[in-house]
Amino acid sequence: MKKFLSLFMAGFIILLMFVVPGSPVKADCGCNVSPIVGAEKNKIVAKLISNEEFKKVKLNSIHEGYSWKGVKAIEVIKDNDNGIILVGVPFINKDGSVEMFAFMDGHFLGISPSH
């Protein structure tokens, strides 16, 4: 009887794992953003890297010991709720970890993760 109860409970737990809908991995984060790719991304990136504020931030960060990962590593996302386009420019710090420099409409917002 003890073995039967153990097998029954184990089978019940396994059944619940596969039958119950939903997964914390697939759960909605509440962020309504989407990546921008292709020609639209290229236009946004070209406009950013020709911007004087970006050039100043890039130069200052290189003097502080950061290294720029290049144009290919730049990420562009659009906040679908309010239409804001954010650009993340990855730099490698002195420790070798990646930090994203965030820009919106060509203006520097800050570094993530912040110091």
PDB file of N, CA and C in Angstrom:
ATOM      1  N   MET A   1       0.821  -1.186   0.000  1.00  0.00           N
ATOM      2  CA  MET A   1       0.000   0.000   0.000  1.00  0.00           C
ATOM      3  C   MET A   1       0.871   1.258   0.000  1.00  0.00           C
ATOM      4  N   LYS A   2       1.977   1.203   0.774  1.00  0.00           N
ATOM      5  CA  LYS A   2       2.875   2.350   0.852  1.00  0.00           C
ATOM      6  C   LYS A   2       3.498   2.644  -0.512  1.00  0.00           C
ATOM      7  N   LYS A   3       3.917   1.596  -1.220  1.00  0.00           N
ATOM      8  CA  LYS A   3       4.524   1.767  -2.540  1.00  0.00           C
ATOM      9  C   LYS A   3       3.506   2.310  -3.534  1.00  0.00           C
ATOM     10  N   PHE A   4       2.283   1.792  -3.446  1.00  0.00           N
ATOM     11  CA  PHE A   4       1.238   2.262  -4.352  1.00  0.00           C
ATOM     12  C   PHE A   4       0.973   3.752  -4.146  1.00  0.00           C
ATOM     13  N   LEU A   5       0.912   4.178  -2.901  1.00  0.00           N
ATOM     14  CA  LEU A   5       0.664   5.592  -2.593  1.00  0.00           C
ATOM     15  C   LEU A   5       1.825   6.464  -3.081  1.00  0.00           C
ATOM     16  N   SER A   6       3.053   5.993  -2.909  1.00  0.00           N
ATOM     17  CA  SER A   6       4.226   6.741  -3.385  1.00  0.00           C
ATOM     18  C   SER A   6       4.217   6.865  -4.903  1.00  0.00           C
ATOM     19  N   LEU A   7       3.928   5.775  -5.601  1.00  0.00           N
ATOM     20  CA  LEU A   7       3.870   5.804  -7.057  1.00  0.00           C
ATOM     21  C   LEU A   7       2.729   6.685  -7.552  1.00  0.00           C
ATOM     22  N   PHE A   8       1.605   6.603  -6.875  1.00  0.00           N
ATOM     23  CA  PHE A   8       0.457   7.414  -7.260  1.00  0.00           C
ATOM     24  C   PHE A   8       0.768   8.905  -7.111  1.00  0.00           C
ATOM     25  N   MET A   9       1.372   9.290  -5.995  1.00  0.00           N
ATOM     26  CA  MET A   9       1.702  10.704  -5.761  1.00  0.00           C
ATOM     27  C   MET A   9       2.770  11.185  -6.749  1.00  0.00           C
ATOM     28  N   ALA A  10       3.774  10.372  -7.021  1.00  0.00           N
ATOM     29  CA  ALA A  10       4.814  10.749  -7.980  1.00  0.00           C
ATOM     30  C   ALA A  10       4.216  10.924  -9.370  1.00  0.00           C
ATOM     31  N   GLY A  11       3.347  10.004  -9.755  1.00  0.00           N
ATOM     32  CA  GLY A  11       2.675  10.123 -11.049  1.00  0.00           C
ATOM     33  C   GLY A  11       1.800  11.358 -11.121  1.00  0.00           C
ATOM     34  N   PHE A  12       1.124  11.670 -10.032  1.00  0.00           N
ATOM     35  CA  PHE A  12       0.268  12.856  -9.974  1.00  0.00           C
ATOM     36  C   PHE A  12       1.093  14.142 -10.131  1.00  0.00           C
ATOM     37  N   ILE A  13       2.233  14.199  -9.469  1.00  0.00           N
ATOM     38  CA  ILE A  13       3.103  15.383  -9.557  1.00  0.00           C
ATOM     39  C   ILE A  13       3.652  15.533 -10.977  1.00  0.00           C
ATOM     40  N   ILE A  14       4.079  14.443 -11.569  1.00  0.00           N
ATOM     41  CA  ILE A  14       4.597  14.498 -12.943  1.00  0.00           C
ATOM     42  C   ILE A  14       3.502  14.918 -13.911  1.00  0.00           C
ATOM     43  N   LEU A  15       2.303  14.392 -13.714  1.00  0.00           N
ATOM     44  CA  LEU A  15       1.177  14.777 -14.556  1.00  0.00           C
ATOM     45  C   LEU A  15       0.897  16.271 -14.442  1.00  0.00           C
ATOM     46  N   LEU A  16       0.939  16.805 -13.237  1.00  0.00           N
ATOM     47  CA  LEU A  16       0.709  18.238 -13.041  1.00  0.00           C
ATOM     48  C   LEU A  16       1.782  19.085 -13.724  1.00  0.00           C
ATOM     49  N   MET A  17       3.017  18.595 -13.716  1.00  0.00           N
ATOM     50  CA  MET A  17       4.105  19.351 -14.338  1.00  0.00           C
ATOM     51  C   MET A  17       3.885  19.525 -15.836  1.00  0.00           C
ATOM     52  N   PHE A  18       3.319  18.523 -16.487  1.00  0.00           N
ATOM     53  CA  PHE A  18       3.146  18.578 -17.931  1.00  0.00           C
ATOM     54  C   PHE A  18       1.781  19.074 -18.379  1.00  0.00           C
ATOM     55  N   VAL A  19       0.791  18.995 -17.524  1.00  0.00           N
ATOM     56  CA  VAL A  19      -0.569  19.339 -17.922  1.00  0.00           C
ATOM     57  C   VAL A  19      -0.945  20.763 -17.548  1.00  0.00           C
ATOM     58  N   VAL A  20      -0.460  21.246 -16.420  1.00  0.00           N
ATOM     59  CA  VAL A  20      -0.840  22.573 -15.948  1.00  0.00           C
ATOM     60  C   VAL A  20      -0.277  23.624 -16.898  1.00  0.00           C
ATOM     61  N   PRO A  21      -1.132  24.512 -17.414  1.00  0.00           N
ATOM     62  CA  PRO A  21      -0.640  25.542 -18.345  1.00  0.00           C
ATOM     63  C   PRO A  21       0.162  26.616 -17.622  1.00  0.00           C
ATOM     64  N   GLY A  22       0.992  27.285 -18.394  1.00  0.00           N
ATOM     65  CA  GLY A  22       1.761  28.404 -17.850  1.00  0.00           C
ATOM     66  C   GLY A  22       3.138  27.978 -17.408  1.00  0.00           C
ATOM     67  N   SER A  23       4.002  28.938 -17.433  1.00  0.00           N
ATOM     68  CA  SER A  23       5.381  28.711 -17.032  1.00  0.00           C
ATOM     69  C   SER A  23       5.958  30.041 -16.579  1.00  0.00           C
ATOM     70  N   PRO A  24       6.717  30.044 -15.487  1.00  0.00           N
ATOM     71  CA  PRO A  24       7.326  31.310 -15.073  1.00  0.00           C
ATOM     72  C   PRO A  24       8.298  31.856 -16.114  1.00  0.00           C
ATOM     73  N   VAL A  25       8.855  30.983 -16.935  1.00  0.00           N
ATOM     74  CA  VAL A  25       9.776  31.425 -17.976  1.00  0.00           C
ATOM     75  C   VAL A  25       9.029  32.195 -19.055  1.00  0.00           C
ATOM     76  N   LYS A  26       7.825  31.771 -19.361  1.00  0.00           N
ATOM     77  CA  LYS A  26       7.030  32.416 -20.396  1.00  0.00           C
ATOM     78  C   LYS A  26       6.147  33.530 -19.852  1.00  0.00           C
ATOM     79  N   ALA A  27       6.237  33.812 -18.558  1.00  0.00           N
ATOM     80  CA  ALA A  27       5.374  34.815 -17.953  1.00  0.00           C
ATOM     81  C   ALA A  27       5.670  36.197 -18.523  1.00  0.00           C
ATOM     82  N   ASP A  28       4.648  37.002 -18.641  1.00  0.00           N
ATOM     83  CA  ASP A  28       4.783  38.352 -19.178  1.00  0.00           C
ATOM     84  C   ASP A  28       5.517  39.228 -18.168  1.00  0.00           C
ATOM     85  N   CYS A  29       6.538  39.932 -18.627  1.00  0.00           N
ATOM     86  CA  CYS A  29       7.324  40.776 -17.734  1.00  0.00           C
ATOM     87  C   CYS A  29       6.684  42.135 -17.520  1.00  0.00           C
ATOM     88  N   GLY A  30       5.668  42.448 -18.282  1.00  0.00           N
ATOM     89  CA  GLY A  30       5.039  43.757 -18.176  1.00  0.00           C
ATOM     90  C   GLY A  30       5.711  44.799 -19.054  1.00  0.00           C
ATOM     91  N   CYS A  31       6.754  44.403 -19.758  1.00  0.00           N
ATOM     92  CA  CYS A  31       7.465  45.313 -20.649  1.00  0.00           C
ATOM     93  C   CYS A  31       6.887  45.162 -22.050  1.00  0.00           C
ATOM     94  N   ASN A  32       6.402  46.235 -22.595  1.00  0.00           N
ATOM     95  CA  ASN A  32       5.837  46.175 -23.938  1.00  0.00           C
ATOM     96  C   ASN A  32       6.828  46.809 -24.908  1.00  0.00           C
ATOM     97  N   VAL A  33       7.960  46.132 -25.110  1.00  0.00           N
ATOM     98  CA  VAL A  33       9.000  46.631 -26.009  1.00  0.00           C
ATOM     99  C   VAL A  33       9.239  45.621 -27.120  1.00  0.00           C
ATOM    100  N   SER A  34       9.747  46.116 -28.226  1.00  0.00           N
ATOM    101  CA  SER A  34      10.109  45.234 -29.331  1.00  0.00           C
ATOM    102  C   SER A  34      11.404  45.737 -29.959  1.00  0.00           C
ATOM    103  N   PRO A  35      12.268  44.807 -30.389  1.00  0.00           N
ATOM    104  CA  PRO A  35      13.529  45.216 -31.009  1.00  0.00           C
ATOM    105  C   PRO A  35      13.291  45.772 -32.409  1.00  0.00           C
ATOM    106  N   ILE A  36      14.113  46.723 -32.776  1.00  0.00           N
ATOM    107  CA  ILE A  36      14.080  47.277 -34.129  1.00  0.00           C
ATOM    108  C   ILE A  36      15.291  46.720 -34.861  1.00  0.00           C
ATOM    109  N   VAL A  37      15.051  46.172 -36.040  1.00  0.00           N
ATOM    110  CA  VAL A  37      16.128  45.541 -36.812  1.00  0.00           C
ATOM    111  C   VAL A  37      16.088  46.030 -38.254  1.00  0.00           C
ATOM    112  N   GLY A  38      17.094  45.646 -38.995  1.00  0.00           N
ATOM    113  CA  GLY A  38      17.123  45.936 -40.427  1.00  0.00           C
ATOM    114  C   GLY A  38      17.459  47.373 -40.758  1.00  0.00           C
ATOM    115  N   ALA A  39      16.867  47.857 -41.841  1.00  0.00           N
ATOM    116  CA  ALA A  39      17.165  49.195 -42.355  1.00  0.00           C
ATOM    117  C   ALA A  39      16.771  50.282 -41.364  1.00  0.00           C
ATOM    118  N   GLU A  40      15.653  50.071 -40.664  1.00  0.00           N
ATOM    119  CA  GLU A  40      15.218  51.074 -39.686  1.00  0.00           C
ATOM    120  C   GLU A  40      16.242  51.210 -38.562  1.00  0.00           C
ATOM    121  N   LYS A  41      16.776  50.081 -38.089  1.00  0.00           N
ATOM    122  CA  LYS A  41      17.812  50.109 -37.058  1.00  0.00           C
ATOM    123  C   LYS A  41      19.057  50.814 -37.581  1.00  0.00           C
ATOM    124  N   ASN A  42      19.452  50.505 -38.803  1.00  0.00           N
ATOM    125  CA  ASN A  42      20.650  51.116 -39.380  1.00  0.00           C
ATOM    126  C   ASN A  42      20.527  52.631 -39.464  1.00  0.00           C
ATOM    127  N   LYS A  43      19.349  53.137 -39.813  1.00  0.00           N
ATOM    128  CA  LYS A  43      19.134  54.589 -39.876  1.00  0.00           C
ATOM    129  C   LYS A  43      19.276  55.220 -38.499  1.00  0.00           C
ATOM    130  N   ILE A  44      18.689  54.575 -37.489  1.00  0.00           N
ATOM    131  CA  ILE A  44      18.744  55.110 -36.125  1.00  0.00           C
ATOM    132  C   ILE A  44      20.175  55.099 -35.613  1.00  0.00           C
ATOM    133  N   VAL A  45      20.899  54.011 -35.858  1.00  0.00           N
ATOM    134  CA  VAL A  45      22.286  53.898 -35.400  1.00  0.00           C
ATOM    135  C   VAL A  45      23.168  54.916 -36.115  1.00  0.00           C
ATOM    136  N   ALA A  46      22.984  55.083 -37.421  1.00  0.00           N
ATOM    137  CA  ALA A  46      23.784  56.056 -38.177  1.00  0.00           C
ATOM    138  C   ALA A  46      23.550  57.470 -37.660  1.00  0.00           C
ATOM    139  N   LYS A  47      22.307  57.788 -37.354  1.00  0.00           N
ATOM    140  CA  LYS A  47      21.987  59.111 -36.813  1.00  0.00           C
ATOM    141  C   LYS A  47      22.635  59.302 -35.444  1.00  0.00           C
ATOM    142  N   LEU A  48      22.636  58.241 -34.623  1.00  0.00           N
ATOM    143  CA  LEU A  48      23.224  58.343 -33.286  1.00  0.00           C
ATOM    144  C   LEU A  48      24.734  58.526 -33.350  1.00  0.00           C
ATOM    145  N   ILE A  49      25.428  57.707 -34.132  1.00  0.00           N
ATOM    146  CA  ILE A  49      26.895  57.780 -34.114  1.00  0.00           C
ATOM    147  C   ILE A  49      27.425  59.042 -34.785  1.00  0.00           C
ATOM    148  N   SER A  50      26.588  59.736 -35.535  1.00  0.00           N
ATOM    149  CA  SER A  50      27.015  61.018 -36.100  1.00  0.00           C
ATOM    150  C   SER A  50      26.655  62.183 -35.180  1.00  0.00           C
ATOM    151  N   ASN A  51      25.967  61.887 -34.088  1.00  0.00           N
ATOM    152  CA  ASN A  51      25.543  62.888 -33.118  1.00  0.00           C
ATOM    153  C   ASN A  51      26.739  63.346 -32.270  1.00  0.00           C
ATOM    154  N   GLU A  52      26.841  64.643 -32.017  1.00  0.00           N
ATOM    155  CA  GLU A  52      27.958  65.199 -31.233  1.00  0.00           C
ATOM    156  C   GLU A  52      27.947  64.702 -29.792  1.00  0.00           C
ATOM    157  N   GLU A  53      26.762  64.565 -29.194  1.00  0.00           N
ATOM    158  CA  GLU A  53      26.696  64.096 -27.808  1.00  0.00           C
ATOM    159  C   GLU A  53      27.219  62.666 -27.697  1.00  0.00           C
ATOM    160  N   PHE A  54      26.886  61.815 -28.664  1.00  0.00           N
ATOM    161  CA  PHE A  54      27.404  60.448 -28.664  1.00  0.00           C
ATOM    162  C   PHE A  54      28.924  60.456 -28.781  1.00  0.00           C
ATOM    163  N   LYS A  55      29.443  61.294 -29.665  1.00  0.00           N
ATOM    164  CA  LYS A  55      30.894  61.361 -29.851  1.00  0.00           C
ATOM    165  C   LYS A  55      31.597  61.777 -28.565  1.00  0.00           C
ATOM    166  N   LYS A  56      31.012  62.743 -27.836  1.00  0.00           N
ATOM    167  CA  LYS A  56      31.597  63.184 -26.564  1.00  0.00           C
ATOM    168  C   LYS A  56      31.554  62.070 -25.524  1.00  0.00           C
ATOM    169  N   VAL A  57      30.409  61.395 -25.412  1.00  0.00           N
ATOM    170  CA  VAL A  57      30.266  60.304 -24.441  1.00  0.00           C
ATOM    171  C   VAL A  57      31.235  59.178 -24.767  1.00  0.00           C
ATOM    172  N   LYS A  58      31.358  58.845 -26.033  1.00  0.00           N
ATOM    173  CA  LYS A  58      32.268  57.781 -26.456  1.00  0.00           C
ATOM    174  C   LYS A  58      33.711  58.140 -26.130  1.00  0.00           C
ATOM    175  N   LEU A  59      34.115  59.370 -26.439  1.00  0.00           N
ATOM    176  CA  LEU A  59      35.479  59.812 -26.173  1.00  0.00           C
ATOM    177  C   LEU A  59      35.772  59.826 -24.677  1.00  0.00           C
ATOM    178  N   ASN A  60      34.839  60.355 -23.877  1.00  0.00           N
ATOM    179  CA  ASN A  60      35.022  60.386 -22.422  1.00  0.00           C
ATOM    180  C   ASN A  60      35.104  58.981 -21.839  1.00  0.00           C
ATOM    181  N   SER A  61      34.265  58.080 -22.328  1.00  0.00           N
ATOM    182  CA  SER A  61      34.276  56.720 -21.791  1.00  0.00           C
ATOM    183  C   SER A  61      35.568  55.994 -22.161  1.00  0.00           C
ATOM    184  N   ILE A  62      36.093  56.244 -23.339  1.00  0.00           N
ATOM    185  CA  ILE A  62      37.365  55.626 -23.730  1.00  0.00           C
ATOM    186  C   ILE A  62      38.496  56.152 -22.849  1.00  0.00           C
ATOM    187  N   HIS A  63      38.451  57.448 -22.517  1.00  0.00           N
ATOM    188  CA  HIS A  63      39.459  58.019 -21.610  1.00  0.00           C
ATOM    189  C   HIS A  63      39.329  57.446 -20.202  1.00  0.00           C
ATOM    190  N   GLU A  64      38.123  57.013 -19.825  1.00  0.00           N
ATOM    191  CA  GLU A  64      37.904  56.419 -18.501  1.00  0.00           C
ATOM    192  C   GLU A  64      38.258  54.938 -18.458  1.00  0.00           C
ATOM    193  N   GLY A  65      38.679  54.370 -19.583  1.00  0.00           N
ATOM    194  CA  GLY A  65      39.100  52.977 -19.602  1.00  0.00           C
ATOM    195  C   GLY A  65      38.124  52.014 -20.247  1.00  0.00           C
ATOM    196  N   TYR A  66      37.031  52.517 -20.768  1.00  0.00           N
ATOM    197  CA  TYR A  66      36.074  51.661 -21.468  1.00  0.00           C
ATOM    198  C   TYR A  66      36.570  51.398 -22.888  1.00  0.00           C
ATOM    199  N   SER A  67      36.103  50.314 -23.465  1.00  0.00           N
ATOM    200  CA  SER A  67      36.353  50.080 -24.886  1.00  0.00           C
ATOM    201  C   SER A  67      35.010  49.836 -25.569  1.00  0.00           C
ATOM    202  N   TRP A  68      34.872  50.401 -26.750  1.00  0.00           N
ATOM    203  CA  TRP A  68      33.620  50.335 -27.496  1.00  0.00           C
ATOM    204  C   TRP A  68      33.565  49.033 -28.264  1.00  0.00           C
ATOM    205  N   LYS A  69      32.421  48.355 -28.234  1.00  0.00           N
ATOM    206  CA  LYS A  69      32.269  47.065 -28.918  1.00  0.00           C
ATOM    207  C   LYS A  69      31.962  47.210 -30.397  1.00  0.00           C
ATOM    208  N   GLY A  70      31.696  48.407 -30.867  1.00  0.00           N
ATOM    209  CA  GLY A  70      31.448  48.625 -32.287  1.00  0.00           C
ATOM    210  C   GLY A  70      29.977  48.765 -32.633  1.00  0.00           C
ATOM    211  N   VAL A  71      29.740  49.137 -33.877  1.00  0.00           N
ATOM    212  CA  VAL A  71      28.388  49.434 -34.354  1.00  0.00           C
ATOM    213  C   VAL A  71      27.505  48.189 -34.371  1.00  0.00           C
ATOM    214  N   LYS A  72      28.068  47.038 -34.699  1.00  0.00           N
ATOM    215  CA  LYS A  72      27.261  45.820 -34.817  1.00  0.00           C
ATOM    216  C   LYS A  72      26.611  45.411 -33.500  1.00  0.00           C
ATOM    217  N   ALA A  73      27.213  45.786 -32.376  1.00  0.00           N
ATOM    218  CA  ALA A  73      26.696  45.371 -31.072  1.00  0.00           C
ATOM    219  C   ALA A  73      25.601  46.296 -30.536  1.00  0.00           C
ATOM    220  N   ILE A  74      25.333  47.400 -31.208  1.00  0.00           N
ATOM    221  CA  ILE A  74      24.324  48.357 -30.738  1.00  0.00           C
ATOM    222  C   ILE A  74      22.933  47.736 -30.844  1.00  0.00           C
ATOM    223  N   GLU A  75      22.130  47.937 -29.789  1.00  0.00           N
ATOM    224  CA  GLU A  75      20.767  47.414 -29.754  1.00  0.00           C
ATOM    225  C   GLU A  75      19.779  48.571 -29.763  1.00  0.00           C
ATOM    226  N   VAL A  76      18.702  48.425 -30.535  1.00  0.00           N
ATOM    227  CA  VAL A  76      17.666  49.457 -30.630  1.00  0.00           C
ATOM    228  C   VAL A  76      16.330  48.808 -30.287  1.00  0.00           C
ATOM    229  N   ILE A  77      15.609  49.411 -29.328  1.00  0.00           N
ATOM    230  CA  ILE A  77      14.291  48.894 -28.957  1.00  0.00           C
ATOM    231  C   ILE A  77      13.269  50.024 -28.978  1.00  0.00           C
ATOM    232  N   LYS A  78      12.022  49.643 -29.166  1.00  0.00           N
ATOM    233  CA  LYS A  78      10.931  50.612 -29.178  1.00  0.00           C
ATOM    234  C   LYS A  78       9.958  50.256 -28.068  1.00  0.00           C
ATOM    235  N   ASP A  79       9.639  51.240 -27.235  1.00  0.00           N
ATOM    236  CA  ASP A  79       8.616  51.071 -26.212  1.00  0.00           C
ATOM    237  C   ASP A  79       7.269  51.241 -26.907  1.00  0.00           C
ATOM    238  N   ASN A  80       6.529  50.165 -27.031  1.00  0.00           N
ATOM    239  CA  ASN A  80       5.282  50.184 -27.789  1.00  0.00           C
ATOM    240  C   ASN A  80       4.162  50.963 -27.102  1.00  0.00           C
ATOM    241  N   ASP A  81       4.278  51.188 -25.797  1.00  0.00           N
ATOM    242  CA  ASP A  81       3.235  51.925 -25.087  1.00  0.00           C
ATOM    243  C   ASP A  81       3.246  53.409 -25.421  1.00  0.00           C
ATOM    244  N   ASN A  82       4.446  53.994 -25.524  1.00  0.00           N
ATOM    245  CA  ASN A  82       4.505  55.436 -25.773  1.00  0.00           C
ATOM    246  C   ASN A  82       5.359  55.823 -26.977  1.00  0.00           C
ATOM    247  N   GLY A  83       5.871  54.852 -27.723  1.00  0.00           N
ATOM    248  CA  GLY A  83       6.587  55.133 -28.961  1.00  0.00           C
ATOM    249  C   GLY A  83       8.017  55.600 -28.806  1.00  0.00           C
ATOM    250  N   ILE A  84       8.560  55.545 -27.612  1.00  0.00           N
ATOM    251  CA  ILE A  84       9.941  55.987 -27.379  1.00  0.00           C
ATOM    252  C   ILE A  84      10.909  54.942 -27.931  1.00  0.00           C
ATOM    253  N   ILE A  85      11.931  55.424 -28.623  1.00  0.00           N
ATOM    254  CA  ILE A  85      12.971  54.542 -29.152  1.00  0.00           C
ATOM    255  C   ILE A  85      14.226  54.726 -28.310  1.00  0.00           C
ATOM    256  N   LEU A  86      14.728  53.617 -27.775  1.00  0.00           N
ATOM    257  CA  LEU A  86      15.923  53.624 -26.940  1.00  0.00           C
ATOM    258  C   LEU A  86      17.039  52.879 -27.654  1.00  0.00           C
ATOM    259  N   VAL A  87      18.244  53.408 -27.518  1.00  0.00           N
ATOM    260  CA  VAL A  87      19.413  52.798 -28.145  1.00  0.00           C
ATOM    261  C   VAL A  87      20.396  52.428 -27.044  1.00  0.00           C
ATOM    262  N   GLY A  88      20.819  51.173 -27.038  1.00  0.00           N
ATOM    263  CA  GLY A  88      21.804  50.693 -26.081  1.00  0.00           C
ATOM    264  C   GLY A  88      23.126  50.443 -26.774  1.00  0.00           C
ATOM    265  N   VAL A  89      24.160  51.125 -26.295  1.00  0.00           N
ATOM    266  CA  VAL A  89      25.495  50.991 -26.885  1.00  0.00           C
ATOM    267  C   VAL A  89      26.383  50.273 -25.871  1.00  0.00           C
ATOM    268  N   PRO A  90      26.800  49.037 -26.162  1.00  0.00           N
ATOM    269  CA  PRO A  90      27.614  48.301 -25.201  1.00  0.00           C
ATOM    270  C   PRO A  90      29.080  48.738 -25.213  1.00  0.00           C
ATOM    271  N   PHE A  91      29.594  48.969 -24.012  1.00  0.00           N
ATOM    272  CA  PHE A  91      31.006  49.259 -23.797  1.00  0.00           C
ATOM    273  C   PHE A  91      31.534  48.232 -22.808  1.00  0.00           C
ATOM    274  N   ILE A  92      32.800  47.899 -22.920  1.00  0.00           N
ATOM    275  CA  ILE A  92      33.435  46.981 -21.983  1.00  0.00           C
ATOM    276  C   ILE A  92      34.233  47.814 -20.993  1.00  0.00           C
ATOM    277  N   ASN A  93      33.975  47.604 -19.692  1.00  0.00           N
ATOM    278  CA  ASN A  93      34.684  48.381 -18.676  1.00  0.00           C
ATOM    279  C   ASN A  93      36.047  47.763 -18.378  1.00  0.00           C
ATOM    280  N   LYS A  94      36.761  48.354 -17.422  1.00  0.00           N
ATOM    281  CA  LYS A  94      38.111  47.903 -17.084  1.00  0.00           C
ATOM    282  C   LYS A  94      38.128  46.464 -16.581  1.00  0.00           C
ATOM    283  N   ASP A  95      37.020  46.041 -15.934  1.00  0.00           N
ATOM    284  CA  ASP A  95      36.936  44.689 -15.384  1.00  0.00           C
ATOM    285  C   ASP A  95      36.599  43.640 -16.434  1.00  0.00           C
ATOM    286  N   GLY A  96      36.240  44.081 -17.641  1.00  0.00           N
ATOM    287  CA  GLY A  96      35.897  43.154 -18.706  1.00  0.00           C
ATOM    288  C   GLY A  96      34.417  42.843 -18.821  1.00  0.00           C
ATOM    289  N   SER A  97      33.591  43.473 -17.980  1.00  0.00           N
ATOM    290  CA  SER A  97      32.151  43.238 -18.087  1.00  0.00           C
ATOM    291  C   SER A  97      31.510  44.304 -18.971  1.00  0.00           C
ATOM    292  N   VAL A  98      30.389  43.940 -19.563  1.00  0.00           N
ATOM    293  CA  VAL A  98      29.709  44.825 -20.510  1.00  0.00           C
ATOM    294  C   VAL A  98      28.754  45.749 -19.767  1.00  0.00           C
ATOM    295  N   GLU A  99      28.807  47.022 -20.112  1.00  0.00           N
ATOM    296  CA  GLU A  99      27.872  48.011 -19.587  1.00  0.00           C
ATOM    297  C   GLU A  99      27.203  48.697 -20.768  1.00  0.00           C
ATOM    298  N   MET A 100      25.900  48.879 -20.669  1.00  0.00           N
ATOM    299  CA  MET A 100      25.134  49.506 -21.749  1.00  0.00           C
ATOM    300  C   MET A 100      24.992  50.997 -21.484  1.00  0.00           C
ATOM    301  N   PHE A 101      25.365  51.783 -22.466  1.00  0.00           N
ATOM    302  CA  PHE A 101      25.167  53.225 -22.421  1.00  0.00           C
ATOM    303  C   PHE A 101      23.862  53.498 -23.163  1.00  0.00           C
ATOM    304  N   ALA A 102      22.886  54.062 -22.460  1.00  0.00           N
ATOM    305  CA  ALA A 102      21.554  54.252 -23.038  1.00  0.00           C
ATOM    306  C   ALA A 102      21.394  55.655 -23.604  1.00  0.00           C
ATOM    307  N   PHE A 103      20.781  55.721 -24.786  1.00  0.00           N
ATOM    308  CA  PHE A 103      20.505  56.987 -25.465  1.00  0.00           C
ATOM    309  C   PHE A 103      19.039  57.013 -25.884  1.00  0.00           C
ATOM    310  N   MET A 104      18.451  58.215 -25.820  1.00  0.00           N
ATOM    311  CA  MET A 104      17.093  58.414 -26.311  1.00  0.00           C
ATOM    312  C   MET A 104      17.074  59.708 -27.099  1.00  0.00           C
ATOM    313  N   ASP A 105      16.661  59.642 -28.345  1.00  0.00           N
ATOM    314  CA  ASP A 105      16.629  60.804 -29.236  1.00  0.00           C
ATOM    315  C   ASP A 105      17.985  61.505 -29.301  1.00  0.00           C
ATOM    316  N   GLY A 106      19.061  60.723 -29.258  1.00  0.00           N
ATOM    317  CA  GLY A 106      20.403  61.274 -29.355  1.00  0.00           C
ATOM    318  C   GLY A 106      20.962  61.823 -28.062  1.00  0.00           C
ATOM    319  N   HIS A 107      20.186  61.767 -26.975  1.00  0.00           N
ATOM    320  CA  HIS A 107      20.637  62.280 -25.679  1.00  0.00           C
ATOM    321  C   HIS A 107      21.037  61.120 -24.775  1.00  0.00           C
ATOM    322  N   PHE A 108      22.155  61.296 -24.082  1.00  0.00           N
ATOM    323  CA  PHE A 108      22.673  60.267 -23.192  1.00  0.00           C
ATOM    324  C   PHE A 108      21.818  60.203 -21.933  1.00  0.00           C
ATOM    325  N   LEU A 109      21.330  58.992 -21.599  1.00  0.00           N
ATOM    326  CA  LEU A 109      20.500  58.807 -20.412  1.00  0.00           C
ATOM    327  C   LEU A 109      21.289  58.299 -19.218  1.00  0.00           C
ATOM    328  N   GLY A 110      22.257  57.435 -19.465  1.00  0.00           N
ATOM    329  CA  GLY A 110      23.029  56.875 -18.368  1.00  0.00           C
ATOM    330  C   GLY A 110      23.594  55.518 -18.732  1.00  0.00           C
ATOM    331  N   ILE A 111      24.191  54.891 -17.709  1.00  0.00           N
ATOM    332  CA  ILE A 111      24.852  53.606 -17.887  1.00  0.00           C
ATOM    333  C   ILE A 111      24.084  52.549 -17.104  1.00  0.00           C
ATOM    334  N   SER A 112      23.910  51.392 -17.717  1.00  0.00           N
ATOM    335  CA  SER A 112      23.253  50.280 -17.036  1.00  0.00           C
ATOM    336  C   SER A 112      24.176  49.073 -17.094  1.00  0.00           C
ATOM    337  N   PRO A 113      24.522  48.416 -16.046  1.00  0.00           N
ATOM    338  CA  PRO A 113      24.187  48.742 -14.667  1.00  0.00           C
ATOM    339  C   PRO A 113      24.929  49.988 -14.217  1.00  0.00           C
ATOM    340  N   SER A 114      24.240  50.787 -13.416  1.00  0.00           N
ATOM    341  CA  SER A 114      24.838  52.060 -12.979  1.00  0.00           C
ATOM    342  C   SER A 114      25.912  51.806 -11.939  1.00  0.00           C
ATOM    343  N   HIS A 115      26.826  52.735 -11.839  1.00  0.00           N
ATOM    344  CA  HIS A 115      27.935  52.589 -10.881  1.00  0.00           C
ATOM    345  C   HIS A 115      27.446  52.931  -9.504  1.00  0.00           C
TER     346      HIS A 115
END
